[in-house]
N, C-alpha and C. Protein backbone atom coordinates (compact mmCIF):
# COMPACT_ATOMS: atom_id res chain seq x y z
N UNK A 1 -23.32 -0.02 -17.62
CA UNK A 1 -22.21 -0.95 -17.68
C UNK A 1 -20.99 -0.28 -18.34
N UNK A 2 -21.25 0.48 -19.38
CA UNK A 2 -20.16 1.19 -20.05
C UNK A 2 -19.51 2.20 -19.10
N UNK A 3 -20.33 2.80 -18.25
CA UNK A 3 -19.82 3.75 -17.26
C UNK A 3 -18.79 3.07 -16.36
N UNK A 4 -19.10 1.89 -15.83
CA UNK A 4 -18.17 1.17 -14.97
C UNK A 4 -16.92 0.75 -15.74
N UNK A 5 -17.08 0.38 -17.00
CA UNK A 5 -15.93 -0.02 -17.81
C UNK A 5 -14.97 1.14 -18.02
N UNK A 6 -15.44 2.35 -17.93
CA UNK A 6 -14.58 3.53 -18.08
C UNK A 6 -14.06 4.03 -16.73
N UNK A 7 -14.89 4.01 -15.71
CA UNK A 7 -14.54 4.59 -14.42
C UNK A 7 -13.53 3.74 -13.66
N UNK A 8 -13.72 2.43 -13.62
CA UNK A 8 -12.83 1.57 -12.84
C UNK A 8 -11.38 1.67 -13.31
N UNK A 9 -11.08 1.56 -14.61
CA UNK A 9 -9.68 1.73 -15.03
C UNK A 9 -9.12 3.12 -14.73
N UNK A 10 -9.94 4.15 -14.83
CA UNK A 10 -9.47 5.50 -14.54
C UNK A 10 -9.13 5.66 -13.05
N UNK A 11 -9.98 5.14 -12.18
CA UNK A 11 -9.71 5.23 -10.74
C UNK A 11 -8.50 4.39 -10.36
N UNK A 12 -8.37 3.21 -10.94
CA UNK A 12 -7.21 2.36 -10.67
C UNK A 12 -5.93 3.04 -11.13
N UNK A 13 -5.94 3.60 -12.32
CA UNK A 13 -4.77 4.31 -12.84
C UNK A 13 -4.40 5.51 -11.99
N UNK A 14 -5.39 6.25 -11.53
CA UNK A 14 -5.13 7.41 -10.67
C UNK A 14 -4.53 6.97 -9.34
N UNK A 15 -5.05 5.89 -8.75
CA UNK A 15 -4.53 5.37 -7.49
C UNK A 15 -3.07 4.95 -7.63
N UNK A 16 -2.77 4.22 -8.69
CA UNK A 16 -1.40 3.73 -8.90
C UNK A 16 -0.45 4.88 -9.18
N UNK A 17 -0.84 5.82 -10.00
CA UNK A 17 0.06 6.94 -10.31
C UNK A 17 0.27 7.84 -9.09
N UNK A 18 -0.76 8.00 -8.27
CA UNK A 18 -0.64 8.83 -7.06
C UNK A 18 0.28 8.16 -6.03
N UNK A 19 0.36 6.84 -6.03
CA UNK A 19 1.17 6.09 -5.07
C UNK A 19 2.35 5.39 -5.74
N UNK A 20 2.84 5.94 -6.83
CA UNK A 20 3.90 5.31 -7.62
C UNK A 20 5.17 5.10 -6.81
N UNK A 21 5.55 6.05 -5.97
CA UNK A 21 6.77 5.92 -5.17
C UNK A 21 6.68 4.70 -4.24
N UNK A 22 5.52 4.50 -3.61
CA UNK A 22 5.32 3.34 -2.74
C UNK A 22 5.46 2.04 -3.54
N UNK A 23 4.79 1.95 -4.69
CA UNK A 23 4.84 0.73 -5.48
C UNK A 23 6.25 0.45 -6.00
N UNK A 24 6.98 1.48 -6.40
CA UNK A 24 8.37 1.29 -6.86
C UNK A 24 9.24 0.75 -5.73
N UNK A 25 9.13 1.36 -4.55
CA UNK A 25 9.92 0.92 -3.40
C UNK A 25 9.56 -0.51 -3.00
N UNK A 26 8.27 -0.81 -2.95
CA UNK A 26 7.82 -2.15 -2.57
C UNK A 26 8.32 -3.20 -3.57
N UNK A 27 8.25 -2.91 -4.85
CA UNK A 27 8.72 -3.86 -5.86
C UNK A 27 10.22 -4.12 -5.74
N UNK A 28 11.00 -3.07 -5.50
CA UNK A 28 12.44 -3.24 -5.33
C UNK A 28 12.76 -4.08 -4.10
N UNK A 29 12.03 -3.86 -3.01
CA UNK A 29 12.29 -4.63 -1.80
C UNK A 29 11.87 -6.10 -1.96
N UNK A 30 10.78 -6.35 -2.66
CA UNK A 30 10.36 -7.74 -2.91
C UNK A 30 11.41 -8.45 -3.77
N UNK A 31 11.93 -7.77 -4.76
CA UNK A 31 12.99 -8.36 -5.60
C UNK A 31 14.26 -8.63 -4.80
N UNK A 32 14.49 -7.85 -3.74
CA UNK A 32 15.68 -8.02 -2.90
C UNK A 32 15.48 -9.09 -1.82
N UNK A 33 14.30 -9.69 -1.76
CA UNK A 33 14.08 -10.78 -0.82
C UNK A 33 13.11 -10.50 0.31
N UNK A 34 12.52 -9.32 0.33
CA UNK A 34 11.53 -9.01 1.35
C UNK A 34 10.20 -9.67 0.98
N UNK A 35 9.34 -9.87 1.97
CA UNK A 35 8.01 -10.43 1.74
C UNK A 35 7.02 -9.73 2.67
N UNK A 36 5.75 -9.75 2.26
CA UNK A 36 4.70 -9.14 3.07
C UNK A 36 4.36 -10.07 4.23
N UNK A 37 4.30 -9.50 5.43
CA UNK A 37 3.96 -10.25 6.64
C UNK A 37 2.82 -9.53 7.36
N UNK A 38 1.84 -10.32 7.81
CA UNK A 38 0.76 -9.76 8.61
C UNK A 38 1.31 -9.43 9.99
N UNK A 39 1.16 -8.18 10.42
CA UNK A 39 1.68 -7.74 11.72
C UNK A 39 0.57 -7.32 12.67
N UNK A 40 -0.66 -7.43 12.25
CA UNK A 40 -1.78 -6.99 13.07
C UNK A 40 -1.92 -5.48 13.00
N UNK A 41 -2.92 -4.96 13.66
CA UNK A 41 -3.16 -3.52 13.63
C UNK A 41 -2.09 -2.81 14.44
N UNK A 42 -1.31 -1.96 13.76
CA UNK A 42 -0.23 -1.21 14.39
C UNK A 42 -0.29 0.24 13.93
N UNK A 43 0.20 1.15 14.77
CA UNK A 43 0.26 2.56 14.34
C UNK A 43 1.18 2.70 13.11
N UNK A 44 0.92 3.69 12.32
CA UNK A 44 1.71 3.96 11.13
C UNK A 44 3.11 4.41 11.51
N UNK A 45 4.13 3.80 10.90
CA UNK A 45 5.52 4.21 11.08
C UNK A 45 5.76 5.35 10.10
N UNK A 46 6.00 6.53 10.62
CA UNK A 46 6.11 7.72 9.76
C UNK A 46 7.36 7.70 8.87
N UNK A 47 8.35 6.84 9.18
CA UNK A 47 9.57 6.79 8.37
C UNK A 47 9.48 5.76 7.25
N UNK A 48 8.49 4.90 7.27
CA UNK A 48 8.36 3.84 6.27
C UNK A 48 7.36 4.24 5.19
N UNK A 49 7.59 3.75 4.00
CA UNK A 49 6.62 3.95 2.92
C UNK A 49 5.44 3.02 3.21
N UNK A 50 4.23 3.54 3.14
CA UNK A 50 3.07 2.73 3.46
C UNK A 50 1.82 3.29 2.80
N UNK A 51 0.85 2.41 2.63
CA UNK A 51 -0.50 2.81 2.24
C UNK A 51 -1.37 2.54 3.46
N UNK A 52 -1.56 3.53 4.30
CA UNK A 52 -2.26 3.28 5.56
C UNK A 52 -3.76 3.14 5.40
N UNK A 53 -4.35 2.44 6.34
CA UNK A 53 -5.79 2.40 6.52
C UNK A 53 -6.11 3.43 7.61
N UNK A 54 -7.37 3.82 7.73
CA UNK A 54 -7.73 4.84 8.70
C UNK A 54 -8.91 4.40 9.55
N UNK A 55 -8.86 4.73 10.85
CA UNK A 55 -9.98 4.50 11.73
C UNK A 55 -11.05 5.55 11.45
N UNK A 56 -12.20 5.40 12.07
CA UNK A 56 -13.26 6.39 11.89
C UNK A 56 -12.84 7.77 12.38
N UNK A 57 -11.89 7.82 13.30
CA UNK A 57 -11.39 9.10 13.81
C UNK A 57 -10.17 9.59 13.03
N UNK A 58 -9.94 9.00 11.84
CA UNK A 58 -8.88 9.39 10.92
C UNK A 58 -7.48 9.15 11.47
N UNK A 59 -7.31 8.13 12.33
CA UNK A 59 -5.99 7.76 12.82
C UNK A 59 -5.44 6.65 11.90
N UNK A 60 -4.25 6.84 11.32
CA UNK A 60 -3.71 5.85 10.39
C UNK A 60 -3.15 4.63 11.11
N UNK A 61 -3.27 3.48 10.45
CA UNK A 61 -2.70 2.24 10.96
C UNK A 61 -2.34 1.33 9.79
N UNK A 62 -1.56 0.29 10.08
CA UNK A 62 -1.18 -0.69 9.06
C UNK A 62 -1.53 -2.08 9.55
N UNK A 63 -1.63 -3.03 8.62
CA UNK A 63 -1.86 -4.43 8.94
C UNK A 63 -0.74 -5.32 8.42
N UNK A 64 -0.05 -4.88 7.37
CA UNK A 64 1.02 -5.65 6.75
C UNK A 64 2.28 -4.82 6.67
N UNK A 65 3.43 -5.51 6.71
CA UNK A 65 4.72 -4.83 6.63
C UNK A 65 5.66 -5.69 5.78
N UNK A 66 6.50 -5.04 4.99
CA UNK A 66 7.52 -5.74 4.23
C UNK A 66 8.69 -6.05 5.14
N UNK A 67 9.05 -7.33 5.23
CA UNK A 67 10.19 -7.74 6.05
C UNK A 67 11.06 -8.68 5.26
N UNK A 68 12.36 -8.68 5.60
CA UNK A 68 13.32 -9.59 4.94
C UNK A 68 13.03 -11.02 5.38
N UNK A 69 12.98 -11.92 4.40
CA UNK A 69 12.81 -13.34 4.70
C UNK A 69 14.05 -13.86 5.40
N UNK A 70 13.87 -14.73 6.38
CA UNK A 70 15.00 -15.28 7.11
C UNK A 70 15.50 -16.55 6.48
C-alpha cells in the first residue's frame, strides 16, 4: 500500500510536467471561453496541441477538441 502511495503521485507528477505546455495552453484557452467538445475518433491534427490516444498499430487519434463556445 505504501508503494502505491509513493508511485501514483510520482507518475502523475511526471505526466503533468512532461505535458506542461499542453496543460498551460489548454488552461489559457478555457479561460478565454473555449470548452471541451466530443468530436468522435479523428486523426491527430499535427498543428494543434493534443494528448493523443493510439491504436494498436500506433496511429494517433483524438476524441475531444477545445472549441470556442458560441
